[in-house]
Amino acid sequence: MVRKTKITIDHSKCHSGASTDPRDCRKCLFVCDPAVLLMHPTLEDHPDPYNPEIWRIDAIWLSKCTGCMKCVQVCPEQAISIIPGVTLHEMKAR
């Protein structure tokens, strides 16, 4: 059975109301070599794309996650959690 990696970003910790604005921090984006994470505007209720409340980081390409946990370790807000599954590298090795 192939289990997918689950990456959760706690957006209550990673936003403008937290001590770190995701646009200023970006530490998780810099340490993730396969570029699993993406920062993007949500444009939900705010028409201003420069308002930091609407910017968020999400895990987009879960199959590329190597399970290195660098993003979890580097996050100053402890907003990232990972439940490892079978990675793309492990699937190719089978």
Protein backbone atom coordinates (compact mmCIF):
# COMPACT_ATOMS: atom_id res chain seq x y z
CA MET A 1 0.00 0.00 0.00
CA VAL A 2 1.34 3.42 -0.96
CA ARG A 3 0.83 6.10 1.66
CA LYS A 4 0.98 9.71 0.60
CA THR A 5 3.02 12.23 2.55
CA LYS A 6 0.84 14.66 4.45
CA ILE A 7 2.20 18.19 4.95
CA THR A 8 0.18 20.60 7.02
CA ILE A 9 0.80 24.34 7.27
CA ASP A 10 -0.85 25.97 10.27
CA HIS A 11 -1.98 29.22 8.72
CA SER A 12 -2.92 30.60 12.14
CA LYS A 13 0.84 30.68 12.87
CA CYS A 14 2.17 31.60 9.42
CA HIS A 15 0.48 34.90 8.49
CA SER A 16 0.67 38.62 9.15
CA GLY A 17 -0.82 38.26 12.64
CA ALA A 18 2.05 35.98 13.63
CA SER A 19 5.43 37.37 14.56
CA THR A 20 6.77 36.53 11.09
CA ASP A 21 5.28 37.64 7.77
CA PRO A 22 5.61 34.73 5.30
CA ARG A 23 6.88 37.11 2.62
CA ASP A 24 9.76 38.18 4.85
CA CYS A 25 10.56 34.75 6.24
CA ARG A 26 10.44 32.22 3.35
CA LYS A 27 12.85 29.95 5.24
CA CYS A 28 10.89 26.83 4.38
CA LEU A 29 10.93 27.77 0.70
CA PHE A 30 14.71 28.22 0.70
CA VAL A 31 15.54 24.89 2.39
CA CYS A 32 13.20 22.73 0.31
CA ASP A 33 15.36 21.50 -2.58
CA PRO A 34 12.52 19.77 -4.48
CA ALA A 35 10.36 22.93 -4.10
CA VAL A 36 7.37 21.20 -2.53
CA LEU A 37 6.12 24.44 -0.99
CA LEU A 38 4.66 27.44 -2.76
CA MET A 39 3.89 30.94 -1.51
CA HIS A 40 0.89 32.50 -3.19
CA PRO A 41 -1.79 35.14 -2.69
CA THR A 42 -5.16 33.75 -1.71
CA LEU A 43 -7.20 36.75 -2.85
CA GLU A 44 -10.04 35.54 -0.67
CA ASP A 45 -11.61 38.61 0.92
CA HIS A 46 -8.89 41.16 0.24
CA PRO A 47 -8.47 42.99 -3.06
CA ASP A 48 -5.00 44.26 -2.05
CA PRO A 49 -2.35 41.73 -3.22
CA TYR A 50 0.26 43.44 -1.00
CA ASN A 51 -1.71 42.81 2.18
CA PRO A 52 0.30 40.11 4.01
CA GLU A 53 -2.84 38.55 5.44
CA ILE A 54 -3.72 37.11 2.07
CA TRP A 55 -0.31 35.55 1.34
CA ARG A 56 0.13 31.97 2.40
CA ILE A 57 2.44 29.03 2.00
CA ASP A 58 1.03 25.67 0.99
CA ALA A 59 2.47 22.28 0.16
CA ILE A 60 1.66 21.75 -3.49
CA TRP A 61 3.87 18.97 -4.87
CA LEU A 62 3.61 16.36 -2.09
CA SER A 63 4.96 13.52 -4.22
CA LYS A 64 8.29 15.33 -4.47
CA CYS A 65 8.76 15.53 -0.68
CA THR A 66 11.86 13.59 0.39
CA GLY A 67 10.89 13.63 4.07
CA CYS A 68 14.09 15.46 5.07
CA MET A 69 12.14 17.59 7.59
CA LYS A 70 14.29 20.68 6.88
CA CYS A 71 11.18 22.84 6.48
CA VAL A 72 9.87 21.72 9.86
CA GLN A 73 13.20 22.39 11.54
CA VAL A 74 13.73 25.86 10.03
CA CYS A 75 10.21 27.26 10.61
CA PRO A 76 10.41 29.92 13.36
CA GLU A 77 6.65 29.63 14.00
CA GLN A 78 6.57 25.80 14.15
CA ALA A 79 3.76 26.00 11.61
CA ILE A 80 4.76 22.99 9.48
CA SER A 81 4.10 19.36 10.28
CA ILE A 82 4.84 16.33 8.11
CA ILE A 83 3.55 12.79 8.27
CA PRO A 84 5.87 10.92 5.90
CA GLY A 85 4.50 8.49 3.40
CA VAL A 86 6.24 6.78 0.55
CA THR A 87 8.31 9.32 -1.40
CA LEU A 88 8.65 9.57 -5.14
CA HIS A 89 12.24 8.27 -4.86
CA GLU A 90 11.04 5.18 -2.97
CA MET A 91 8.30 4.56 -5.51
CA LYS A 92 10.82 4.66 -8.36
CA ALA A 93 13.11 2.24 -6.51
CA ARG A 94 10.37 -0.40 -6.39
